PDB file of N, CA and C in Angstrom:
ATOM      1  N   UNK A   1       1.004  24.641  -1.559  1.00  0.00           N
ATOM      2  CA  UNK A   1       1.698  24.100  -0.405  1.00  0.00           C
ATOM      3  C   UNK A   1       0.724  23.388   0.532  1.00  0.00           C
ATOM      4  N   UNK A   2      -0.422  24.017   0.776  1.00  0.00           N
ATOM      5  CA  UNK A   2      -1.408  23.424   1.671  1.00  0.00           C
ATOM      6  C   UNK A   2      -2.037  22.188   1.026  1.00  0.00           C
ATOM      7  N   UNK A   3      -2.189  22.195  -0.281  1.00  0.00           N
ATOM      8  CA  UNK A   3      -2.751  21.047  -0.985  1.00  0.00           C
ATOM      9  C   UNK A   3      -1.830  19.835  -0.836  1.00  0.00           C
ATOM     10  N   UNK A   4      -0.533  20.065  -0.926  1.00  0.00           N
ATOM     11  CA  UNK A   4       0.418  18.958  -0.774  1.00  0.00           C
ATOM     12  C   UNK A   4       0.355  18.375   0.627  1.00  0.00           C
ATOM     13  N   UNK A   5       0.175  19.215   1.621  1.00  0.00           N
ATOM     14  CA  UNK A   5       0.065  18.704   2.998  1.00  0.00           C
ATOM     15  C   UNK A   5      -1.198  17.871   3.186  1.00  0.00           C
ATOM     16  N   UNK A   6      -2.280  18.295   2.557  1.00  0.00           N
ATOM     17  CA  UNK A   6      -3.515  17.520   2.627  1.00  0.00           C
ATOM     18  C   UNK A   6      -3.326  16.177   1.930  1.00  0.00           C
ATOM     19  N   UNK A   7      -2.627  16.184   0.791  1.00  0.00           N
ATOM     20  CA  UNK A   7      -2.352  14.930   0.092  1.00  0.00           C
ATOM     21  C   UNK A   7      -1.516  13.985   0.951  1.00  0.00           C
ATOM     22  N   UNK A   8      -0.532  14.531   1.627  1.00  0.00           N
ATOM     23  CA  UNK A   8       0.330  13.710   2.481  1.00  0.00           C
ATOM     24  C   UNK A   8      -0.506  13.036   3.565  1.00  0.00           C
ATOM     25  N   UNK A   9      -1.338  13.796   4.241  1.00  0.00           N
ATOM     26  CA  UNK A   9      -2.187  13.227   5.295  1.00  0.00           C
ATOM     27  C   UNK A   9      -3.201  12.232   4.737  1.00  0.00           C
ATOM     28  N   UNK A  10      -3.734  12.535   3.562  1.00  0.00           N
ATOM     29  CA  UNK A  10      -4.713  11.653   2.928  1.00  0.00           C
ATOM     30  C   UNK A  10      -4.093  10.293   2.620  1.00  0.00           C
ATOM     31  N   UNK A  11      -2.940  10.291   1.995  1.00  0.00           N
ATOM     32  CA  UNK A  11      -2.312   9.018   1.632  1.00  0.00           C
ATOM     33  C   UNK A  11      -1.790   8.266   2.858  1.00  0.00           C
ATOM     34  N   UNK A  12      -1.381   8.979   3.885  1.00  0.00           N
ATOM     35  CA  UNK A  12      -0.984   8.308   5.123  1.00  0.00           C
ATOM     36  C   UNK A  12      -2.193   7.627   5.763  1.00  0.00           C
ATOM     37  N   UNK A  13      -3.335   8.292   5.742  1.00  0.00           N
ATOM     38  CA  UNK A  13      -4.525   7.689   6.345  1.00  0.00           C
ATOM     39  C   UNK A  13      -5.011   6.494   5.528  1.00  0.00           C
ATOM     40  N   UNK A  14      -4.899   6.554   4.209  1.00  0.00           N
ATOM     41  CA  UNK A  14      -5.266   5.400   3.386  1.00  0.00           C
ATOM     42  C   UNK A  14      -4.330   4.235   3.686  1.00  0.00           C
ATOM     43  N   UNK A  15      -3.052   4.527   3.862  1.00  0.00           N
ATOM     44  CA  UNK A  15      -2.088   3.485   4.186  1.00  0.00           C
ATOM     45  C   UNK A  15      -2.434   2.813   5.512  1.00  0.00           C
ATOM     46  N   UNK A  16      -2.826   3.599   6.493  1.00  0.00           N
ATOM     47  CA  UNK A  16      -3.221   3.042   7.794  1.00  0.00           C
ATOM     48  C   UNK A  16      -4.483   2.198   7.654  1.00  0.00           C
ATOM     49  N   UNK A  17      -5.411   2.647   6.819  1.00  0.00           N
ATOM     50  CA  UNK A  17      -6.638   1.893   6.550  1.00  0.00           C
ATOM     51  C   UNK A  17      -6.298   0.542   5.924  1.00  0.00           C
ATOM     52  N   UNK A  18      -5.406   0.539   4.937  1.00  0.00           N
ATOM     53  CA  UNK A  18      -5.002  -0.713   4.294  1.00  0.00           C
ATOM     54  C   UNK A  18      -4.301  -1.640   5.281  1.00  0.00           C
ATOM     55  N   UNK A  19      -3.475  -1.080   6.168  1.00  0.00           N
ATOM     56  CA  UNK A  19      -2.800  -1.904   7.167  1.00  0.00           C
ATOM     57  C   UNK A  19      -3.808  -2.516   8.141  1.00  0.00           C
ATOM     58  N   UNK A  20      -4.835  -1.766   8.477  1.00  0.00           N
ATOM     59  CA  UNK A  20      -5.871  -2.296   9.373  1.00  0.00           C
ATOM     60  C   UNK A  20      -6.618  -3.447   8.708  1.00  0.00           C
ATOM     61  N   UNK A  21      -6.888  -3.312   7.425  1.00  0.00           N
ATOM     62  CA  UNK A  21      -7.554  -4.398   6.707  1.00  0.00           C
ATOM     63  C   UNK A  21      -6.651  -5.626   6.650  1.00  0.00           C
ATOM     64  N   UNK A  22      -5.353  -5.421   6.392  1.00  0.00           N
ATOM     65  CA  UNK A  22      -4.409  -6.543   6.371  1.00  0.00           C
ATOM     66  C   UNK A  22      -4.368  -7.225   7.743  1.00  0.00           C
ATOM     67  N   UNK A  23      -4.404  -6.432   8.794  1.00  0.00           N
ATOM     68  CA  UNK A  23      -4.443  -7.005  10.138  1.00  0.00           C
ATOM     69  C   UNK A  23      -5.708  -7.822  10.365  1.00  0.00           C
ATOM     70  N   UNK A  24      -6.827  -7.342   9.857  1.00  0.00           N
ATOM     71  CA  UNK A  24      -8.071  -8.103   9.957  1.00  0.00           C
ATOM     72  C   UNK A  24      -8.008  -9.395   9.166  1.00  0.00           C
ATOM     73  N   UNK A  25      -7.400  -9.328   7.978  1.00  0.00           N
ATOM     74  CA  UNK A  25      -7.255 -10.543   7.180  1.00  0.00           C
ATOM     75  C   UNK A  25      -6.388 -11.575   7.901  1.00  0.00           C
ATOM     76  N   UNK A  26      -5.301 -11.115   8.498  1.00  0.00           N
ATOM     77  CA  UNK A  26      -4.410 -12.023   9.220  1.00  0.00           C
ATOM     78  C   UNK A  26      -5.125 -12.626  10.428  1.00  0.00           C
ATOM     79  N   UNK A  27      -5.856 -11.795  11.154  1.00  0.00           N
ATOM     80  CA  UNK A  27      -6.578 -12.278  12.338  1.00  0.00           C
ATOM     81  C   UNK A  27      -7.640 -13.298  11.959  1.00  0.00           C
ATOM     82  N   UNK A  28      -8.407 -13.014  10.912  1.00  0.00           N
ATOM     83  CA  UNK A  28      -9.432 -13.964  10.477  1.00  0.00           C
ATOM     84  C   UNK A  28      -8.820 -15.272   9.991  1.00  0.00           C
ATOM     85  N   UNK A  29      -7.692 -15.175   9.295  1.00  0.00           N
ATOM     86  CA  UNK A  29      -7.034 -16.385   8.807  1.00  0.00           C
ATOM     87  C   UNK A  29      -6.545 -17.251   9.962  1.00  0.00           C
ATOM     88  N   UNK A  30      -6.090 -16.623  11.034  1.00  0.00           N
ATOM     89  CA  UNK A  30      -5.588 -17.382  12.172  1.00  0.00           C
ATOM     90  C   UNK A  30      -6.653 -17.867  13.122  1.00  0.00           C
ATOM     91  N   UNK A  31      -7.860 -17.303  13.053  1.00  0.00           N
ATOM     92  CA  UNK A  31      -8.884 -17.714  14.013  1.00  0.00           C
ATOM     93  C   UNK A  31     -10.077 -18.374  13.326  1.00  0.00           C
ATOM     94  N   UNK A  32     -10.879 -17.617  12.636  1.00  0.00           N
ATOM     95  CA  UNK A  32     -12.117 -18.134  12.054  1.00  0.00           C
ATOM     96  C   UNK A  32     -11.837 -19.127  10.936  1.00  0.00           C
ATOM     97  N   UNK A  33     -10.854 -18.815  10.089  1.00  0.00           N
ATOM     98  CA  UNK A  33     -10.583 -19.662   8.926  1.00  0.00           C
ATOM     99  C   UNK A  33      -9.362 -20.558   9.130  1.00  0.00           C
ATOM    100  N   UNK A  34      -9.014 -20.850  10.362  1.00  0.00           N
ATOM    101  CA  UNK A  34      -7.803 -21.637  10.624  1.00  0.00           C
ATOM    102  C   UNK A  34      -7.930 -23.088  10.151  1.00  0.00           C
ATOM    103  N   UNK A  35      -9.148 -23.631  10.075  1.00  0.00           N
ATOM    104  CA  UNK A  35      -9.314 -25.012   9.638  1.00  0.00           C
ATOM    105  C   UNK A  35      -9.446 -25.156   8.135  1.00  0.00           C
ATOM    106  N   UNK A  36      -9.482 -24.055   7.420  1.00  0.00           N
ATOM    107  CA  UNK A  36      -9.603 -24.135   5.956  1.00  0.00           C
ATOM    108  C   UNK A  36      -8.332 -24.739   5.383  1.00  0.00           C
ATOM    109  N   UNK A  37      -8.501 -25.573   4.372  1.00  0.00           N
ATOM    110  CA  UNK A  37      -7.351 -26.321   3.855  1.00  0.00           C
ATOM    111  C   UNK A  37      -6.481 -25.494   2.898  1.00  0.00           C
ATOM    112  N   UNK A  38      -7.058 -24.853   1.939  1.00  0.00           N
ATOM    113  CA  UNK A  38      -6.310 -24.107   0.921  1.00  0.00           C
ATOM    114  C   UNK A  38      -6.197 -22.643   1.339  1.00  0.00           C
ATOM    115  N   UNK A  39      -5.043 -22.251   1.850  1.00  0.00           N
ATOM    116  CA  UNK A  39      -4.862 -20.885   2.337  1.00  0.00           C
ATOM    117  C   UNK A  39      -4.041 -20.020   1.390  1.00  0.00           C
ATOM    118  N   UNK A  40      -3.761 -20.510   0.202  1.00  0.00           N
ATOM    119  CA  UNK A  40      -2.914 -19.784  -0.745  1.00  0.00           C
ATOM    120  C   UNK A  40      -3.487 -18.438  -1.153  1.00  0.00           C
ATOM    121  N   UNK A  41      -4.788 -18.400  -1.465  1.00  0.00           N
ATOM    122  CA  UNK A  41      -5.409 -17.144  -1.871  1.00  0.00           C
ATOM    123  C   UNK A  41      -5.401 -16.131  -0.728  1.00  0.00           C
ATOM    124  N   UNK A  42      -5.595 -16.613   0.489  1.00  0.00           N
ATOM    125  CA  UNK A  42      -5.613 -15.709   1.641  1.00  0.00           C
ATOM    126  C   UNK A  42      -4.236 -15.110   1.886  1.00  0.00           C
ATOM    127  N   UNK A  43      -3.201 -15.938   1.783  1.00  0.00           N
ATOM    128  CA  UNK A  43      -1.838 -15.434   1.986  1.00  0.00           C
ATOM    129  C   UNK A  43      -1.479 -14.440   0.889  1.00  0.00           C
ATOM    130  N   UNK A  44      -1.853 -14.757  -0.353  1.00  0.00           N
ATOM    131  CA  UNK A  44      -1.605 -13.828  -1.456  1.00  0.00           C
ATOM    132  C   UNK A  44      -2.377 -12.526  -1.255  1.00  0.00           C
ATOM    133  N   UNK A  45      -3.602 -12.607  -0.767  1.00  0.00           N
ATOM    134  CA  UNK A  45      -4.402 -11.411  -0.514  1.00  0.00           C
ATOM    135  C   UNK A  45      -3.759 -10.535   0.559  1.00  0.00           C
ATOM    136  N   UNK A  46      -3.230 -11.149   1.594  1.00  0.00           N
ATOM    137  CA  UNK A  46      -2.561 -10.392   2.656  1.00  0.00           C
ATOM    138  C   UNK A  46      -1.313  -9.704   2.108  1.00  0.00           C
ATOM    139  N   UNK A  47      -0.546 -10.434   1.316  1.00  0.00           N
ATOM    140  CA  UNK A  47       0.658  -9.858   0.706  1.00  0.00           C
ATOM    141  C   UNK A  47       0.307  -8.668  -0.194  1.00  0.00           C
ATOM    142  N   UNK A  48      -0.737  -8.808  -1.004  1.00  0.00           N
ATOM    143  CA  UNK A  48      -1.141  -7.705  -1.890  1.00  0.00           C
ATOM    144  C   UNK A  48      -1.647  -6.502  -1.093  1.00  0.00           C
ATOM    145  N   UNK A  49      -2.323  -6.756   0.029  1.00  0.00           N
ATOM    146  CA  UNK A  49      -2.804  -5.645   0.853  1.00  0.00           C
ATOM    147  C   UNK A  49      -1.634  -4.900   1.480  1.00  0.00           C
ATOM    148  N   UNK A  50      -0.608  -5.631   1.896  1.00  0.00           N
ATOM    149  CA  UNK A  50       0.580  -4.977   2.441  1.00  0.00           C
ATOM    150  C   UNK A  50       1.291  -4.158   1.363  1.00  0.00           C
ATOM    151  N   UNK A  51       1.339  -4.677   0.138  1.00  0.00           N
ATOM    152  CA  UNK A  51       1.919  -3.901  -0.965  1.00  0.00           C
ATOM    153  C   UNK A  51       1.100  -2.638  -1.250  1.00  0.00           C
ATOM    154  N   UNK A  52      -0.222  -2.758  -1.200  1.00  0.00           N
ATOM    155  CA  UNK A  52      -1.077  -1.584  -1.405  1.00  0.00           C
ATOM    156  C   UNK A  52      -0.804  -0.533  -0.336  1.00  0.00           C
ATOM    157  N   UNK A  53      -0.607  -0.983   0.886  1.00  0.00           N
ATOM    158  CA  UNK A  53      -0.291  -0.050   1.967  1.00  0.00           C
ATOM    159  C   UNK A  53       1.048   0.643   1.731  1.00  0.00           C
ATOM    160  N   UNK A  54       2.056  -0.131   1.308  1.00  0.00           N
ATOM    161  CA  UNK A  54       3.357   0.471   1.019  1.00  0.00           C
ATOM    162  C   UNK A  54       3.281   1.474  -0.127  1.00  0.00           C
ATOM    163  N   UNK A  55       2.525   1.130  -1.171  1.00  0.00           N
ATOM    164  CA  UNK A  55       2.384   2.058  -2.292  1.00  0.00           C
ATOM    165  C   UNK A  55       1.702   3.342  -1.844  1.00  0.00           C
ATOM    166  N   UNK A  56       0.620   3.233  -1.035  1.00  0.00           N
ATOM    167  CA  UNK A  56      -0.050   4.454  -0.615  1.00  0.00           C
ATOM    168  C   UNK A  56       0.805   5.302   0.297  1.00  0.00           C
ATOM    169  N   UNK A  57       1.591   4.658   1.133  1.00  0.00           N
ATOM    170  CA  UNK A  57       2.478   5.446   1.994  1.00  0.00           C
ATOM    171  C   UNK A  57       3.597   6.096   1.181  1.00  0.00           C
ATOM    172  N   UNK A  58       4.060   5.417   0.134  1.00  0.00           N
ATOM    173  CA  UNK A  58       5.134   6.000  -0.678  1.00  0.00           C
ATOM    174  C   UNK A  58       4.642   7.172  -1.519  1.00  0.00           C
ATOM    175  N   UNK A  59       3.347   7.268  -1.759  1.00  0.00           N
ATOM    176  CA  UNK A  59       2.815   8.438  -2.461  1.00  0.00           C
ATOM    177  C   UNK A  59       3.032   9.684  -1.609  1.00  0.00           C
ATOM    178  N   UNK A  60       2.942   9.536  -0.296  1.00  0.00           N
ATOM    179  CA  UNK A  60       3.222  10.661   0.602  1.00  0.00           C
ATOM    180  C   UNK A  60       4.642  11.160   0.413  1.00  0.00           C
ATOM    181  N   UNK A  61       5.562  10.239   0.173  1.00  0.00           N
ATOM    182  CA  UNK A  61       6.956  10.611  -0.050  1.00  0.00           C
ATOM    183  C   UNK A  61       7.109  11.472  -1.301  1.00  0.00           C
ATOM    184  N   UNK A  62       6.336  11.165  -2.333  1.00  0.00           N
ATOM    185  CA  UNK A  62       6.382  11.956  -3.557  1.00  0.00           C
ATOM    186  C   UNK A  62       5.948  13.395  -3.265  1.00  0.00           C
ATOM    187  N   UNK A  63       4.880  13.547  -2.486  1.00  0.00           N
ATOM    188  CA  UNK A  63       4.401  14.889  -2.145  1.00  0.00           C
ATOM    189  C   UNK A  63       5.384  15.621  -1.243  1.00  0.00           C
ATOM    190  N   UNK A  64       6.024  14.899  -0.327  1.00  0.00           N
ATOM    191  CA  UNK A  64       7.013  15.521   0.560  1.00  0.00           C
ATOM    192  C   UNK A  64       8.190  16.047  -0.246  1.00  0.00           C
ATOM    193  N   UNK A  65       8.643  15.285  -1.219  1.00  0.00           N
ATOM    194  CA  UNK A  65       9.770  15.731  -2.044  1.00  0.00           C
ATOM    195  C   UNK A  65       9.436  17.006  -2.818  1.00  0.00           C
ATOM    196  N   UNK A  66       8.148  17.171  -3.169  1.00  0.00           N
ATOM    197  CA  UNK A  66       7.775  18.381  -3.911  1.00  0.00           C
ATOM    198  C   UNK A  66       7.775  19.622  -3.038  1.00  0.00           C
ATOM    199  N   UNK A  67       7.431  19.492  -1.762  1.00  0.00           N
ATOM    200  CA  UNK A  67       7.325  20.696  -0.937  1.00  0.00           C
ATOM    201  C   UNK A  67       8.578  20.991  -0.125  1.00  0.00           C
ATOM    202  N   UNK A  68       9.423  19.990   0.072  1.00  0.00           N
ATOM    203  CA  UNK A  68      10.610  20.242   0.892  1.00  0.00           C
ATOM    204  C   UNK A  68      11.811  20.524  -0.005  1.00  0.00           C
ATOM    205  N   UNK A  69      12.654  21.433   0.426  1.00  0.00           N
ATOM    206  CA  UNK A  69      13.859  21.698  -0.369  1.00  0.00           C
ATOM    207  C   UNK A  69      14.828  20.525  -0.267  1.00  0.00           C
ATOM    208  N   UNK A  70      15.538  20.294  -1.353  1.00  0.00           N
ATOM    209  CA  UNK A  70      16.496  19.194  -1.373  1.00  0.00           C
ATOM    210  C   UNK A  70      17.664  19.516  -0.442  1.00  0.00           C
ATOM    211  N   UNK A  71      18.030  18.596   0.420  1.00  0.00           N
ATOM    212  CA  UNK A  71      19.166  18.848   1.317  1.00  0.00           C
ATOM    213  C   UNK A  71      20.484  18.835   0.542  1.00  0.00           C
ATOM    214  N   UNK A  72      21.470  19.502   1.101  1.00  0.00           N
ATOM    215  CA  UNK A  72      22.794  19.498   0.498  1.00  0.00           C
ATOM    216  C   UNK A  72      23.563  18.300   1.022  1.00  0.00           C
ATOM    217  N   UNK A  73      23.829  17.372   0.133  1.00  0.00           N
ATOM    218  CA  UNK A  73      24.576  16.179   0.502  1.00  0.00           C
ATOM    219  C   UNK A  73      26.040  16.362   0.126  1.00  0.00           C
ATOM    220  N   UNK A  74      26.932  15.962   1.016  1.00  0.00           N
ATOM    221  CA  UNK A  74      28.357  15.981   0.707  1.00  0.00           C
ATOM    222  C   UNK A  74      28.763  14.731  -0.067  1.00  0.00           C
ATOM    223  N   UNK A  75      27.948  13.696   0.025  1.00  0.00           N
ATOM    224  CA  UNK A  75      28.234  12.433  -0.625  1.00  0.00           C
ATOM    225  C   UNK A  75      27.306  12.269  -1.822  1.00  0.00           C
ATOM    226  N   UNK A  76      27.831  11.957  -2.981  1.00  0.00           N
ATOM    227  CA  UNK A  76      27.019  11.822  -4.191  1.00  0.00           C
ATOM    228  C   UNK A  76      26.087  10.611  -4.115  1.00  0.00           C
ATOM    229  N   UNK A  77      26.492   9.578  -3.366  1.00  0.00           N
ATOM    230  CA  UNK A  77      25.657   8.395  -3.223  1.00  0.00           C
ATOM    231  C   UNK A  77      24.321   8.755  -2.576  1.00  0.00           C
ATOM    232  N   UNK A  78      24.356   9.507  -1.474  1.00  0.00           N
ATOM    233  CA  UNK A  78      23.117   9.867  -0.779  1.00  0.00           C
ATOM    234  C   UNK A  78      22.263  10.820  -1.603  1.00  0.00           C
ATOM    235  N   UNK A  79      22.891  11.635  -2.409  1.00  0.00           N
ATOM    236  CA  UNK A  79      22.144  12.521  -3.298  1.00  0.00           C
ATOM    237  C   UNK A  79      21.386  11.698  -4.340  1.00  0.00           C
ATOM    238  N   UNK A  80      22.020  10.674  -4.872  1.00  0.00           N
ATOM    239  CA  UNK A  80      21.364   9.794  -5.859  1.00  0.00           C
ATOM    240  C   UNK A  80      20.207   9.028  -5.210  1.00  0.00           C
ATOM    241  N   UNK A  81      20.416   8.567  -3.979  1.00  0.00           N
ATOM    242  CA  UNK A  81      19.361   7.837  -3.279  1.00  0.00           C
ATOM    243  C   UNK A  81      18.164   8.749  -3.017  1.00  0.00           C
ATOM    244  N   UNK A  82      18.428   9.997  -2.628  1.00  0.00           N
ATOM    245  CA  UNK A  82      17.343  10.935  -2.342  1.00  0.00           C
ATOM    246  C   UNK A  82      16.539  11.246  -3.600  1.00  0.00           C
ATOM    247  N   UNK A  83      17.209  11.374  -4.717  1.00  0.00           N
ATOM    248  CA  UNK A  83      16.545  11.730  -5.972  1.00  0.00           C
ATOM    249  C   UNK A  83      16.022  10.524  -6.736  1.00  0.00           C
ATOM    250  N   UNK A  84      16.043   9.366  -6.119  1.00  0.00           N
ATOM    251  CA  UNK A  84      15.570   8.154  -6.766  1.00  0.00           C
ATOM    252  C   UNK A  84      14.063   8.241  -6.983  1.00  0.00           C
ATOM    253  N   UNK A  85      13.636   8.072  -8.193  1.00  0.00           N
ATOM    254  CA  UNK A  85      12.216   8.110  -8.521  1.00  0.00           C
ATOM    255  C   UNK A  85      11.714   9.509  -8.805  1.00  0.00           C
ATOM    256  N   UNK A  86      10.820   9.627  -9.764  1.00  0.00           N
ATOM    257  CA  UNK A  86      10.269  10.938 -10.105  1.00  0.00           C
ATOM    258  C   UNK A  86       9.320  11.445  -9.031  1.00  0.00           C
ATOM    259  N   UNK A  87       9.089  12.743  -9.049  1.00  0.00           N
ATOM    260  CA  UNK A  87       8.175  13.338  -8.066  1.00  0.00           C
ATOM    261  C   UNK A  87       7.127  14.207  -8.752  1.00  0.00           C
ATOM    262  N   UNK A  88       6.602  13.742  -9.867  1.00  0.00           N
ATOM    263  CA  UNK A  88       5.608  14.512 -10.609  1.00  0.00           C
ATOM    264  C   UNK A  88       4.196  14.075 -10.216  1.00  0.00           C
ATOM    265  N   UNK A  89       3.222  14.870 -10.644  1.00  0.00           N
ATOM    266  CA  UNK A  89       1.825  14.522 -10.384  1.00  0.00           C
ATOM    267  C   UNK A  89       1.430  13.253 -11.117  1.00  0.00           C
ATOM    268  N   UNK A  90       1.996  13.039 -12.301  1.00  0.00           N
ATOM    269  CA  UNK A  90       1.682  11.841 -13.062  1.00  0.00           C
ATOM    270  C   UNK A  90       2.150  10.584 -12.324  1.00  0.00           C
ATOM    271  N   UNK A  91       3.345  10.651 -11.750  1.00  0.00           N
ATOM    272  CA  UNK A  91       3.871   9.517 -10.997  1.00  0.00           C
ATOM    273  C   UNK A  91       3.026   9.257  -9.754  1.00  0.00           C
ATOM    274  N   UNK A  92       2.576  10.309  -9.118  1.00  0.00           N
ATOM    275  CA  UNK A  92       1.692  10.171  -7.953  1.00  0.00           C
ATOM    276  C   UNK A  92       0.392   9.493  -8.359  1.00  0.00           C
ATOM    277  N   UNK A  93      -0.147   9.878  -9.504  1.00  0.00           N
ATOM    278  CA  UNK A  93      -1.390   9.293 -10.001  1.00  0.00           C
ATOM    279  C   UNK A  93      -1.204   7.808 -10.315  1.00  0.00           C
ATOM    280  N   UNK A  94      -0.094   7.462 -10.961  1.00  0.00           N
ATOM    281  CA  UNK A  94       0.180   6.063 -11.298  1.00  0.00           C
ATOM    282  C   UNK A  94       0.292   5.221 -10.037  1.00  0.00           C
ATOM    283  N   UNK A  95       0.997   5.741  -9.042  1.00  0.00           N
ATOM    284  CA  UNK A  95       1.124   4.999  -7.780  1.00  0.00           C
ATOM    285  C   UNK A  95      -0.229   4.826  -7.094  1.00  0.00           C
ATOM    286  N   UNK A  96      -1.087   5.830  -7.163  1.00  0.00           N
ATOM    287  CA  UNK A  96      -2.393   5.702  -6.521  1.00  0.00           C
ATOM    288  C   UNK A  96      -3.268   4.689  -7.249  1.00  0.00           C
ATOM    289  N   UNK A  97      -3.162   4.625  -8.575  1.00  0.00           N
ATOM    290  CA  UNK A  97      -3.923   3.627  -9.329  1.00  0.00           C
ATOM    291  C   UNK A  97      -3.417   2.224  -9.005  1.00  0.00           C
ATOM    292  N   UNK A  98      -2.099   2.066  -8.927  1.00  0.00           N
ATOM    293  CA  UNK A  98      -1.529   0.759  -8.575  1.00  0.00           C
ATOM    294  C   UNK A  98      -1.983   0.342  -7.175  1.00  0.00           C
ATOM    295  N   UNK A  99      -1.968   1.267  -6.220  1.00  0.00           N
ATOM    296  CA  UNK A  99      -2.411   0.953  -4.855  1.00  0.00           C
ATOM    297  C   UNK A  99      -3.880   0.543  -4.845  1.00  0.00           C
ATOM    298  N   UNK A 100      -4.713   1.251  -5.601  1.00  0.00           N
ATOM    299  CA  UNK A 100      -6.137   0.912  -5.650  1.00  0.00           C
ATOM    300  C   UNK A 100      -6.357  -0.455  -6.290  1.00  0.00           C
ATOM    301  N   UNK A 101      -5.599  -0.759  -7.338  1.00  0.00           N
ATOM    302  CA  UNK A 101      -5.721  -2.069  -7.988  1.00  0.00           C
ATOM    303  C   UNK A 101      -5.271  -3.189  -7.056  1.00  0.00           C
ATOM    304  N   UNK A 102      -4.167  -2.981  -6.351  1.00  0.00           N
ATOM    305  CA  UNK A 102      -3.700  -3.985  -5.398  1.00  0.00           C
ATOM    306  C   UNK A 102      -4.732  -4.221  -4.303  1.00  0.00           C
ATOM    307  N   UNK A 103      -5.355  -3.146  -3.832  1.00  0.00           N
ATOM    308  CA  UNK A 103      -6.397  -3.252  -2.812  1.00  0.00           C
ATOM    309  C   UNK A 103      -7.572  -4.077  -3.337  1.00  0.00           C
ATOM    310  N   UNK A 104      -8.038  -3.749  -4.540  1.00  0.00           N
ATOM    311  CA  UNK A 104      -9.191  -4.447  -5.108  1.00  0.00           C
ATOM    312  C   UNK A 104      -8.888  -5.925  -5.351  1.00  0.00           C
ATOM    313  N   UNK A 105      -7.706  -6.225  -5.867  1.00  0.00           N
ATOM    314  CA  UNK A 105      -7.333  -7.613  -6.117  1.00  0.00           C
ATOM    315  C   UNK A 105      -7.215  -8.378  -4.799  1.00  0.00           C
ATOM    316  N   UNK A 106      -6.676  -7.729  -3.780  1.00  0.00           N
ATOM    317  CA  UNK A 106      -6.545  -8.373  -2.475  1.00  0.00           C
ATOM    318  C   UNK A 106      -7.911  -8.718  -1.893  1.00  0.00           C
ATOM    319  N   UNK A 107      -8.829  -7.786  -1.948  1.00  0.00           N
ATOM    320  CA  UNK A 107     -10.178  -8.046  -1.434  1.00  0.00           C
ATOM    321  C   UNK A 107     -10.841  -9.158  -2.248  1.00  0.00           C
ATOM    322  N   UNK A 108     -10.631  -9.142  -3.553  1.00  0.00           N
ATOM    323  CA  UNK A 108     -11.192 -10.198  -4.397  1.00  0.00           C
ATOM    324  C   UNK A 108     -10.628 -11.564  -4.077  1.00  0.00           C
ATOM    325  N   UNK A 109      -9.303 -11.651  -3.899  1.00  0.00           N
ATOM    326  CA  UNK A 109      -8.680 -12.937  -3.570  1.00  0.00           C
ATOM    327  C   UNK A 109      -9.145 -13.451  -2.204  1.00  0.00           C
ATOM    328  N   UNK A 110      -9.251 -12.549  -1.233  1.00  0.00           N
ATOM    329  CA  UNK A 110      -9.681 -12.993   0.090  1.00  0.00           C
ATOM    330  C   UNK A 110     -11.143 -13.436   0.048  1.00  0.00           C
ATOM    331  N   UNK A 111     -11.958 -12.717  -0.695  1.00  0.00           N
ATOM    332  CA  UNK A 111     -13.363 -13.119  -0.841  1.00  0.00           C
ATOM    333  C   UNK A 111     -13.458 -14.466  -1.542  1.00  0.00           C
ATOM    334  N   UNK A 112     -12.638 -14.672  -2.572  1.00  0.00           N
ATOM    335  CA  UNK A 112     -12.619 -15.952  -3.278  1.00  0.00           C
ATOM    336  C   UNK A 112     -12.220 -17.084  -2.321  1.00  0.00           C
ATOM    337  N   UNK A 113     -11.218 -16.818  -1.481  1.00  0.00           N
ATOM    338  CA  UNK A 113     -10.772 -17.805  -0.496  1.00  0.00           C
ATOM    339  C   UNK A 113     -11.917 -18.200   0.428  1.00  0.00           C
ATOM    340  N   UNK A 114     -12.638 -17.219   0.944  1.00  0.00           N
ATOM    341  CA  UNK A 114     -13.737 -17.498   1.895  1.00  0.00           C
ATOM    342  C   UNK A 114     -14.891 -18.205   1.186  1.00  0.00           C
ATOM    343  N   UNK A 115     -15.294 -17.691   0.033  1.00  0.00           N
ATOM    344  CA  UNK A 115     -16.447 -18.270  -0.664  1.00  0.00           C
ATOM    345  C   UNK A 115     -16.145 -19.649  -1.219  1.00  0.00           C
ATOM    346  N   UNK A 116     -14.914 -19.881  -1.651  1.00  0.00           N
ATOM    347  CA  UNK A 116     -14.549 -21.196  -2.180  1.00  0.00           C
ATOM    348  C   UNK A 116     -14.667 -22.263  -1.107  1.00  0.00           C
ATOM    349  N   UNK A 117     -14.229 -21.950   0.110  1.00  0.00           N
ATOM    350  CA  UNK A 117     -14.309 -22.929   1.187  1.00  0.00           C
ATOM    351  C   UNK A 117     -15.749 -23.134   1.680  1.00  0.00           C
ATOM    352  N   UNK A 118     -16.575 -22.102   1.560  1.00  0.00           N
ATOM    353  CA  UNK A 118     -17.948 -22.231   2.024  1.00  0.00           C
ATOM    354  C   UNK A 118     -18.792 -23.033   1.038  1.00  0.00           C
ATOM    355  N   UNK A 119     -18.459 -22.969  -0.241  1.00  0.00           N
ATOM    356  CA  UNK A 119     -19.314 -23.613  -1.241  1.00  0.00           C
ATOM    357  C   UNK A 119     -18.875 -25.038  -1.579  1.00  0.00           C
ATOM    358  N   UNK A 120     -17.611 -25.379  -1.306  1.00  0.00           N
ATOM    359  CA  UNK A 120     -17.132 -26.712  -1.695  1.00  0.00           C
ATOM    360  C   UNK A 120     -17.005 -27.611  -0.523  1.00  0.00           C
TER     361      UNK A 120
END
């Protein structure tokens, strides 16, 4: 039980970290790199960083579903929505790998955007 709570806080903090990086990317794009002509890689990098943040925050949801009892729904629709997606350790691991890959690709694309404009 305590391990799941630590996981929840860990993934929430990673999500906040990713959001802060996305905010930095947006700020740099609007100020320092505003005169750069090709902004496609930067916009894609920001989008991927936001996806990485969403994935890391959704991992917390997987851990919450494991420790909290399922509520009694009177409506079958809401019960289906609540049970949407697996809540196993394997699924948590897959989501964390996807979040890490999105983060790495985002940093790579943003670095490519900056270095491409500096060298050409």
